[in-house]
Protein backbone atom coordinates (compact mmCIF):
# COMPACT_ATOMS: atom_id res chain seq x y z
CA UNK A 1 17.70 -10.04 90.97
CA UNK A 2 16.02 -6.94 92.37
CA UNK A 3 12.26 -6.66 92.70
CA UNK A 4 10.63 -3.34 91.82
CA UNK A 5 6.84 -3.09 91.97
CA UNK A 6 6.25 -0.92 88.93
CA UNK A 7 8.89 -1.81 86.35
CA UNK A 8 8.97 -4.89 84.18
CA UNK A 9 11.06 -5.94 81.17
CA UNK A 10 10.64 -8.68 78.63
CA UNK A 11 13.36 -10.39 76.64
CA UNK A 12 11.19 -12.32 74.24
CA UNK A 13 7.58 -11.08 74.33
CA UNK A 14 6.60 -9.82 70.89
CA UNK A 15 4.06 -7.03 71.02
CA UNK A 16 1.97 -7.59 67.92
CA UNK A 17 0.68 -11.15 68.02
CA UNK A 18 -1.26 -12.72 65.21
CA UNK A 19 -5.08 -12.78 65.56
CA UNK A 20 -5.00 -16.59 65.53
CA UNK A 21 -3.02 -16.42 68.77
CA UNK A 22 -5.68 -14.56 70.77
CA UNK A 23 -5.42 -16.97 73.72
CA UNK A 24 -1.63 -16.51 73.88
CA UNK A 25 -2.10 -12.75 73.50
CA UNK A 26 -4.40 -12.54 76.52
CA UNK A 27 -2.04 -14.66 78.63
CA UNK A 28 0.99 -12.62 77.53
CA UNK A 29 -0.64 -9.32 78.39
CA UNK A 30 -1.76 -10.67 81.74
CA UNK A 31 1.92 -11.33 82.39
CA UNK A 32 2.75 -7.73 81.45
CA UNK A 33 0.23 -6.35 83.91
CA UNK A 34 0.80 -8.79 86.76
CA UNK A 35 4.54 -9.43 86.67
CA UNK A 36 6.46 -7.35 89.20
CA UNK A 37 10.01 -8.53 88.52
CA UNK A 38 12.77 -6.78 86.65
CA UNK A 39 15.32 -8.38 84.36
CA UNK A 40 18.92 -7.53 85.14
CA UNK A 41 19.16 -6.09 81.61
CA UNK A 42 17.10 -3.01 82.56
CA UNK A 43 17.42 -3.19 86.31
CA UNK A 44 17.20 0.27 87.94
CA UNK A 45 20.24 1.47 89.86
CA UNK A 46 20.27 1.17 93.65
CA UNK A 47 23.25 3.57 93.77
CA UNK A 48 21.32 6.61 92.53
CA UNK A 49 17.83 5.59 93.63
CA UNK A 50 15.53 8.58 94.06
CA UNK A 51 12.45 8.72 96.25
CA UNK A 52 10.40 10.50 93.60
CA UNK A 53 7.09 12.30 94.15
CA UNK A 54 3.66 10.77 93.78
CA UNK A 55 2.75 13.64 91.42
CA UNK A 56 5.00 15.87 89.32
CA UNK A 57 4.16 19.57 88.87
CA UNK A 58 2.38 20.81 85.79
CA UNK A 59 4.62 22.73 83.37
CA UNK A 60 2.45 25.79 84.02
CA UNK A 61 3.77 26.03 87.60
CA UNK A 62 6.62 28.20 86.29
CA UNK A 63 4.02 30.85 85.37
CA UNK A 64 1.48 30.60 88.20
CA UNK A 65 -1.08 28.18 89.60
CA UNK A 66 -3.95 29.80 87.69
CA UNK A 67 -2.33 29.64 84.25
CA UNK A 68 -3.92 27.18 81.85
CA UNK A 69 -3.57 25.87 78.32
CA UNK A 70 -5.04 28.29 75.78
CA UNK A 71 -3.46 27.19 72.48
CA UNK A 72 -5.71 25.56 69.87
CA UNK A 73 -4.86 23.59 66.73
CA UNK A 74 -4.16 25.49 63.53
CA UNK A 75 -6.30 22.90 61.79
CA UNK A 76 -7.73 19.49 62.61
CA UNK A 77 -9.77 18.33 65.60
CA UNK A 78 -8.75 16.21 68.60
CA UNK A 79 -10.94 13.17 69.25
CA UNK A 80 -10.49 12.40 72.97
CA UNK A 81 -11.46 8.72 72.88
CA UNK A 82 -9.10 7.81 70.02
CA UNK A 83 -5.57 6.43 70.14
CA UNK A 84 -3.04 9.03 69.03
CA UNK A 85 0.51 9.39 67.71
CA UNK A 86 2.31 12.63 68.61
CA UNK A 87 5.40 14.04 66.91
CA UNK A 88 7.35 17.27 66.60
CA UNK A 89 7.79 17.42 62.83
CA UNK A 90 9.15 20.82 61.92
CA UNK A 91 10.91 21.82 58.70
CA UNK A 92 10.89 18.56 56.73
CA UNK A 93 10.43 18.16 53.02
CA UNK A 94 7.05 16.84 51.87
CA UNK A 95 8.29 13.29 51.31
CA UNK A 96 9.08 12.82 55.02
CA UNK A 97 5.52 13.68 56.04
CA UNK A 98 4.24 11.37 53.31
CA UNK A 99 6.47 8.54 54.50
CA UNK A 100 5.06 8.91 58.01
CA UNK A 101 1.39 9.22 57.10
CA UNK A 102 1.13 7.04 54.01
CA UNK A 103 2.74 4.05 55.70
CA UNK A 104 0.61 4.63 58.80
CA UNK A 105 -2.60 4.83 56.78
CA UNK A 106 -1.69 1.57 55.03
CA UNK A 107 -1.78 -0.24 58.40
CA UNK A 108 -5.46 0.55 58.93
CA UNK A 109 -4.85 2.94 61.83
CA UNK A 110 -7.72 5.48 61.99
CA UNK A 111 -6.86 7.34 65.20
CA UNK A 112 -5.35 10.81 65.57
CA UNK A 113 -1.91 12.07 64.56
CA UNK A 114 -0.92 15.34 66.27
CA UNK A 115 1.99 17.28 64.79
CA UNK A 116 3.81 20.53 65.55
CA UNK A 117 5.18 21.94 62.31
CA UNK A 118 6.82 25.26 61.46
CA UNK A 119 4.60 28.33 61.43
CA UNK A 120 3.39 29.68 58.10
CA UNK A 121 6.52 31.74 57.52
CA UNK A 122 8.70 28.65 57.18
CA UNK A 123 6.52 25.68 56.28
CA UNK A 124 6.54 24.63 52.65
CA UNK A 125 3.23 25.20 50.85
CA UNK A 126 2.95 21.62 49.64
CA UNK A 127 3.43 20.34 53.20
CA UNK A 128 0.48 22.26 54.61
CA UNK A 129 -1.69 21.38 51.61
CA UNK A 130 -0.87 17.71 52.03
CA UNK A 131 -1.49 17.63 55.79
CA UNK A 132 -4.86 19.32 55.33
CA UNK A 133 -6.01 16.36 53.23
CA UNK A 134 -5.68 14.23 56.37
CA UNK A 135 -7.44 16.78 58.57
CA UNK A 136 -10.69 17.22 56.66
CA UNK A 137 -11.91 13.68 57.55
CA UNK A 138 -13.32 13.02 54.08
CA UNK A 139 -11.92 9.50 54.37
CA UNK A 140 -12.79 7.82 57.70
CA UNK A 141 -10.54 4.87 56.83
CA UNK A 142 -7.42 7.02 57.33
CA UNK A 143 -5.81 8.74 60.34
CA UNK A 144 -7.02 12.21 61.32
CA UNK A 145 -4.26 14.83 61.50
CA UNK A 146 -4.21 17.70 64.00
CA UNK A 147 -1.62 20.42 63.34
CA UNK A 148 -0.16 23.15 65.56
CA UNK A 149 1.85 26.03 64.06
CA UNK A 150 2.57 28.38 66.97
CA UNK A 151 5.57 30.66 66.38
CA UNK A 152 8.54 30.11 68.69
CA UNK A 153 10.41 32.90 70.47
CA UNK A 154 14.04 32.11 69.67
CA UNK A 155 17.53 33.35 70.53
CA UNK A 156 20.20 34.44 68.08
CA UNK A 157 18.19 36.55 65.65
CA UNK A 158 17.24 40.21 65.76
CA UNK A 159 13.51 39.51 65.61
CA UNK A 160 13.55 36.29 67.67
CA UNK A 161 12.50 34.24 64.62
CA UNK A 162 13.71 30.80 63.59
CA UNK A 163 17.08 30.42 61.93
CA UNK A 164 16.93 28.64 58.58
CA UNK A 165 19.64 26.46 57.04
CA UNK A 166 20.78 26.93 53.41
CA UNK A 167 18.47 24.02 52.48
CA UNK A 168 15.48 25.89 53.91
CA UNK A 169 15.17 23.74 57.02
CA UNK A 170 14.71 25.27 60.46
CA UNK A 171 17.78 25.13 62.72
CA UNK A 172 17.27 22.33 65.29
CA UNK A 173 20.05 23.67 67.55
CA UNK A 174 18.58 27.14 68.07
CA UNK A 175 17.38 27.89 71.60
CA UNK A 176 13.67 28.76 71.65
CA UNK A 177 10.79 29.45 74.02
CA UNK A 178 7.20 28.27 73.81
CA UNK A 179 5.29 31.51 74.38
CA UNK A 180 1.57 32.24 74.00
CA UNK A 181 0.41 28.65 74.57
CA UNK A 182 -0.59 29.32 78.19
CA UNK A 183 -2.62 32.12 79.68
CA UNK A 184 -5.57 32.99 81.85
CA UNK A 185 -9.30 32.60 81.31
CA UNK A 186 -12.31 34.19 82.95
CA UNK A 187 -15.27 32.31 84.44
CA UNK A 188 -16.85 31.96 81.00
CA UNK A 189 -13.71 30.39 79.55
CA UNK A 190 -12.65 33.44 77.55
CA UNK A 191 -8.90 34.11 77.32
CA UNK A 192 -8.04 37.26 79.25
CA UNK A 193 -4.25 37.27 78.83
CA UNK A 194 -1.42 35.20 77.36
CA UNK A 195 1.83 34.21 79.05
CA UNK A 196 5.42 34.32 77.88
CA UNK A 197 7.59 31.26 78.43
CA UNK A 198 9.53 31.85 81.69
CA UNK A 199 12.04 29.06 80.99
CA UNK A 200 15.45 29.46 79.39
CA UNK A 201 15.61 28.74 75.70
CA UNK A 202 15.49 25.06 74.76
CA UNK A 203 16.22 23.21 71.56
CA UNK A 204 13.04 21.91 69.96
CA UNK A 205 13.95 18.30 70.80
CA UNK A 206 13.61 19.26 74.49
CA UNK A 207 10.76 21.69 74.02
CA UNK A 208 8.63 19.07 72.26
CA UNK A 209 7.81 17.32 75.56
CA UNK A 210 5.89 20.37 76.66
CA UNK A 211 3.93 20.25 73.41
CA UNK A 212 3.24 16.57 74.06
CA UNK A 213 2.00 17.40 77.56
CA UNK A 214 -0.36 20.07 76.19
CA UNK A 215 -1.76 17.63 73.63
CA UNK A 216 -2.04 14.72 76.08
CA UNK A 217 -4.59 16.73 78.03
CA UNK A 218 -6.97 16.50 75.08
CA UNK A 219 -7.36 12.72 75.40
CA UNK A 220 -9.19 10.32 77.70
CA UNK A 221 -7.32 8.68 80.56
CA UNK A 222 -7.06 5.26 78.91
CA UNK A 223 -6.59 6.25 75.29
CA UNK A 224 -3.22 5.02 74.09
CA UNK A 225 -0.59 7.60 73.13
CA UNK A 226 2.62 7.08 71.16
CA UNK A 227 5.41 9.68 71.21
CA UNK A 228 7.59 9.17 68.17
CA UNK A 229 10.34 10.78 66.11
CA UNK A 230 8.69 11.53 62.76
CA UNK A 231 11.65 12.13 60.45
CA UNK A 232 13.16 8.65 60.71
CA UNK A 233 10.14 6.44 61.34
CA UNK A 234 7.69 4.51 59.20
CA UNK A 235 5.00 1.89 59.84
CA UNK A 236 4.51 -1.72 58.75
CA UNK A 237 1.49 -2.71 60.88
CA UNK A 238 -0.87 -1.05 63.33
CA UNK A 239 1.09 -0.62 66.60
CA UNK A 240 -2.13 -0.20 68.61
CA UNK A 241 -3.76 -3.38 67.32
CA UNK A 242 -3.10 -5.46 70.44
CA UNK A 243 -2.36 -3.06 73.27
CA UNK A 244 -4.09 -4.06 76.52
CA UNK A 245 -7.36 -2.15 76.89
CA UNK A 246 -8.40 -1.11 80.38
CA UNK A 247 -11.99 -2.28 81.02
CA UNK A 248 -12.34 0.03 84.03
CA UNK A 249 -12.28 3.49 82.42
CA UNK A 250 -12.23 5.11 85.87
CA UNK A 251 -9.06 3.34 86.96
CA UNK A 252 -6.66 6.08 88.20
CA UNK A 253 -3.47 4.60 86.73
CA UNK A 254 -2.11 3.19 83.48
CA UNK A 255 0.74 1.46 81.69
CA UNK A 256 3.89 3.15 80.37
CA UNK A 257 6.00 1.44 77.67
CA UNK A 258 9.65 2.35 77.05
CA UNK A 259 11.81 0.98 74.21
CA UNK A 260 15.46 0.06 74.42
CA UNK A 261 18.23 0.32 71.87
CA UNK A 262 20.31 -2.77 71.14
CA UNK A 263 22.01 -3.73 74.39
CA UNK A 264 24.85 -5.64 72.72
CA UNK A 265 25.82 -2.77 70.44
CA UNK A 266 25.74 0.10 72.90
CA UNK A 267 25.43 1.09 76.56
CA UNK A 268 24.98 4.53 78.09
CA UNK A 269 28.69 4.84 78.89
CA UNK A 270 29.82 3.65 75.44
CA UNK A 271 27.94 6.35 73.56
CA UNK A 272 29.79 9.67 73.57
CA UNK A 273 26.54 11.63 73.34
CA UNK A 274 24.68 9.71 76.04
CA UNK A 275 27.75 9.98 78.24
CA UNK A 276 27.82 13.79 77.93
CA UNK A 277 24.08 14.19 78.48
CA UNK A 278 24.21 12.23 81.73
CA UNK A 279 27.44 13.72 83.03
CA UNK A 280 26.47 17.34 82.35
CA UNK A 281 22.92 16.86 83.58
CA UNK A 282 23.56 14.75 86.66
CA UNK A 283 27.30 14.64 87.36
CA UNK A 284 30.08 12.01 87.23
CA UNK A 285 28.69 9.86 90.05
CA UNK A 286 25.42 9.30 88.15
CA UNK A 287 27.31 8.57 84.94
CA UNK A 288 29.44 5.98 86.75
CA UNK A 289 26.33 4.31 88.16
CA UNK A 290 24.61 4.12 84.77
CA UNK A 291 27.47 3.68 82.33
CA UNK A 292 26.87 -0.05 81.86
CA UNK A 293 23.09 0.23 81.52
CA UNK A 294 21.43 -0.35 78.12
CA UNK A 295 20.23 2.83 76.43
CA UNK A 296 16.48 3.46 76.46
CA UNK A 297 15.43 5.59 73.49
CA UNK A 298 13.64 8.86 74.28
CA UNK A 299 12.33 9.13 70.71
CA UNK A 300 9.92 6.23 71.11
CA UNK A 301 7.52 5.95 74.06
CA UNK A 302 4.00 4.62 74.40
CA UNK A 303 1.36 4.32 77.08
CA UNK A 304 -2.10 5.05 78.38
CA UNK A 305 -2.84 8.77 78.59
CA UNK A 306 -2.94 8.88 82.38
CA UNK A 307 0.58 7.42 82.57
CA UNK A 308 1.98 9.39 79.60
CA UNK A 309 0.72 12.70 81.01
CA UNK A 310 2.62 12.04 84.24
CA UNK A 311 5.76 10.95 82.37
CA UNK A 312 5.64 14.20 80.35
CA UNK A 313 5.33 16.30 83.50
CA UNK A 314 8.43 14.51 84.76
CA UNK A 315 10.38 15.16 81.54
CA UNK A 316 9.65 18.90 81.64
CA UNK A 317 10.52 18.95 85.33
CA UNK A 318 13.90 17.31 84.65
CA UNK A 319 14.84 20.19 82.36
CA UNK A 320 13.78 22.65 85.07
CA UNK A 321 15.96 20.90 87.64
CA UNK A 322 19.01 20.18 85.46
CA UNK A 323 19.26 23.41 83.44
CA UNK A 324 21.13 21.57 80.70
CA UNK A 325 20.78 23.06 77.21
CA UNK A 326 22.47 20.45 75.05
CA UNK A 327 20.60 19.11 72.03
CA UNK A 328 19.60 15.55 72.86
CA UNK A 329 19.62 16.06 76.62
CA UNK A 330 16.06 14.69 76.72
CA UNK A 331 17.55 11.21 76.34
CA UNK A 332 19.55 11.82 79.49
CA UNK A 333 16.36 12.84 81.32
CA UNK A 334 14.51 9.81 79.95
CA UNK A 335 17.12 7.27 81.10
CA UNK A 336 17.67 8.95 84.46
CA UNK A 337 13.94 8.95 85.24
CA UNK A 338 13.78 5.20 84.66
CA UNK A 339 17.08 3.98 86.09
CA UNK A 340 16.89 6.18 89.20
CA UNK A 341 13.34 4.92 89.91
CA UNK A 342 12.20 8.54 90.04
CA UNK A 343 8.92 7.55 88.37
CA UNK A 344 8.41 4.67 90.80
CA UNK A 345 6.09 6.46 93.24
CA UNK A 346 4.07 8.31 90.60
CA UNK A 347 0.53 7.16 91.35
CA UNK A 348 -0.88 7.49 87.78
CA UNK A 349 1.78 5.08 86.44
CA UNK A 350 0.70 1.58 87.37
CA UNK A 351 3.51 -0.26 85.60
CA UNK A 352 6.56 0.57 83.46
CA UNK A 353 7.37 -1.96 80.76
CA UNK A 354 10.77 -1.72 79.05
CA UNK A 355 10.86 -3.54 75.72
CA UNK A 356 14.13 -4.94 74.46
CA UNK A 357 15.13 -3.75 70.98
CA UNK A 358 13.46 -5.74 68.22
CA UNK A 359 10.78 -7.25 70.48
CA UNK A 360 8.26 -4.45 71.06
CA UNK A 361 6.02 -2.34 68.87
CA UNK A 362 8.80 0.15 68.08
CA UNK A 363 12.05 -1.22 66.70
CA UNK A 364 14.96 1.16 67.36
CA UNK A 365 17.64 0.35 64.76
CA UNK A 366 20.15 3.15 65.35
CA UNK A 367 22.72 1.15 67.33
CA UNK A 368 22.92 -1.69 64.79
CA UNK A 369 25.48 0.00 62.57
CA UNK A 370 28.41 -2.37 62.95
CA UNK A 371 27.06 -4.40 60.03
CA UNK A 372 24.09 -4.16 57.60
CA UNK A 373 20.61 -4.92 58.93
CA UNK A 374 20.33 -7.76 56.42
CA UNK A 375 23.27 -9.49 58.09
CA UNK A 376 21.55 -9.07 61.46
CA UNK A 377 18.58 -10.91 59.93
CA UNK A 378 16.26 -7.92 60.42
CA UNK A 379 15.93 -6.70 56.82
CA UNK A 380 15.01 -8.35 53.52
CA UNK A 381 16.81 -6.61 50.66
CA UNK A 382 14.25 -7.91 48.14
CA UNK A 383 10.94 -7.22 49.89
CA UNK A 384 12.35 -4.32 51.96
CA UNK A 385 10.59 -5.60 55.07
CA UNK A 386 12.06 -4.97 58.52
CA UNK A 387 11.62 -7.79 61.03
CA UNK A 388 11.71 -8.45 64.74
CA UNK A 389 14.44 -10.72 66.07
CA UNK A 390 12.42 -13.80 65.17
CA UNK A 391 13.21 -12.98 61.52
CA UNK A 392 9.56 -13.46 60.50
CA UNK A 393 7.33 -10.90 62.24
CA UNK A 394 7.17 -7.40 60.81
CA UNK A 395 8.16 -4.60 63.16
CA UNK A 396 5.06 -2.38 63.51
CA UNK A 397 7.16 0.80 63.78
CA UNK A 398 10.59 1.06 62.19
CA UNK A 399 12.59 3.81 63.89
CA UNK A 400 16.02 5.11 62.78
CA UNK A 401 15.76 3.50 59.32
CA UNK A 402 18.24 6.00 57.86
CA UNK A 403 21.24 4.50 59.71
CA UNK A 404 21.32 1.45 57.41
CA UNK A 405 22.75 2.03 53.93
CA UNK A 406 20.50 -0.40 52.04
CA UNK A 407 17.30 0.65 53.82
CA UNK A 408 18.20 4.33 53.44
CA UNK A 409 18.85 3.89 49.72
CA UNK A 410 15.48 2.23 49.23
CA UNK A 411 13.37 4.57 51.38
CA UNK A 412 15.00 7.87 50.47
CA UNK A 413 16.09 7.01 46.93
CA UNK A 414 12.93 5.27 45.73
CA UNK A 415 9.97 5.57 48.08
CA UNK A 416 10.44 9.29 48.80
CA UNK A 417 10.64 10.07 45.10
CA UNK A 418 7.55 7.93 44.42
CA UNK A 419 5.50 9.58 47.17
CA UNK A 420 6.41 13.09 45.98
CA UNK A 421 5.51 12.21 42.41
CA UNK A 422 2.17 10.76 43.48
CA UNK A 423 1.31 13.92 45.42
CA UNK A 424 2.17 16.20 42.50
CA UNK A 425 0.05 14.13 40.15
CA UNK A 426 -2.86 14.12 42.61
CA UNK A 427 -2.59 17.89 43.01
CA UNK A 428 -2.65 18.40 39.24
CA UNK A 429 -5.83 16.29 39.00
CA UNK A 430 -7.48 18.29 41.82
CA UNK A 431 -6.60 21.57 40.16
CA UNK A 432 -8.07 20.40 36.85
CA UNK A 433 -11.32 19.40 38.56
CA UNK A 434 -11.59 22.86 40.08
CA UNK A 435 -11.30 24.59 36.67
């Protein structure tokens, strides 16, 4: 078994422990921080090992060294010392935003949620109205939403606007640029000029990592950040409830958590999409070296700000080096960065923890499609709860719920309809009060 100083995996450690198990919790997290060994399940590859840098370049390096972040939220306010969930959530119907936020609020989480949604031309009116109710902070017992709505500069249309599907959704496969988010400021902090995006067009699934990097700079070094797919995720308990808190706020490094997909159901070489992302981005030799490795999901990542910010620099840099434009290529970058050990020397990342599917805070269900989740023992058809592999503990974050027929029927067929109805009724009451 190889020994790697900054990567550690756990086959049985369950992230959210009950409050009555505080002693076990402390001992378990001490093991996370102190353990230096790597399970063979997620062992990095010696064949394609990379001697990565101690620091990755800022995304602004493509413009010039003096360029800085100038974009501000459309509405909502960042709170630097809070934990935060970040998501690119563009073009969804209202019920998807409600699923994400209503289930999160029910867990007691009161940190920030930062979202990029479509600009005003494309976003549905009820979506913006709903999100603003979470941004005004009238209820301190709920999360605080921060929204960005910067227009993208996209290919394939005469005016460089977003393409829209017949259903009214924005086209996720259109190549776009993130212009006017960087620029230059004078000594007083006033913006003197804005910059166009010098990179080739990227699908929004790739472009989102640059948004995440911009937002990560608004938080303290040891605030916890979760990067999560919004469309197919909901919450059952607070995923930040028992993360290890760094007592030394000046410590120059932090933890980075990655989350695997089911290792029995899929490997990188078994998945046609993962296979193409790796081969086109890194070549056949890399694919051969990684084809038997378990897939690590790029749609679910968590860590302390100082580690996440470095990881996000690395993700943007991978696109710059690979020049691959395929939708989903970010998962190729994500797995390559880990399995090649390219993040190993990054000084702000003290430790990388890879959680096996169904054992960490985020439960990635997408690979478990060979039989219903209920038969796997992870879903109760009566209570509609989703469990960890112990069959008893609720998964804090349920990701890729829509791949299971029974869970999809319940969430989309019943809960979505209920949430939408509740919002319409609440809006009618608000309008009557204003008369």
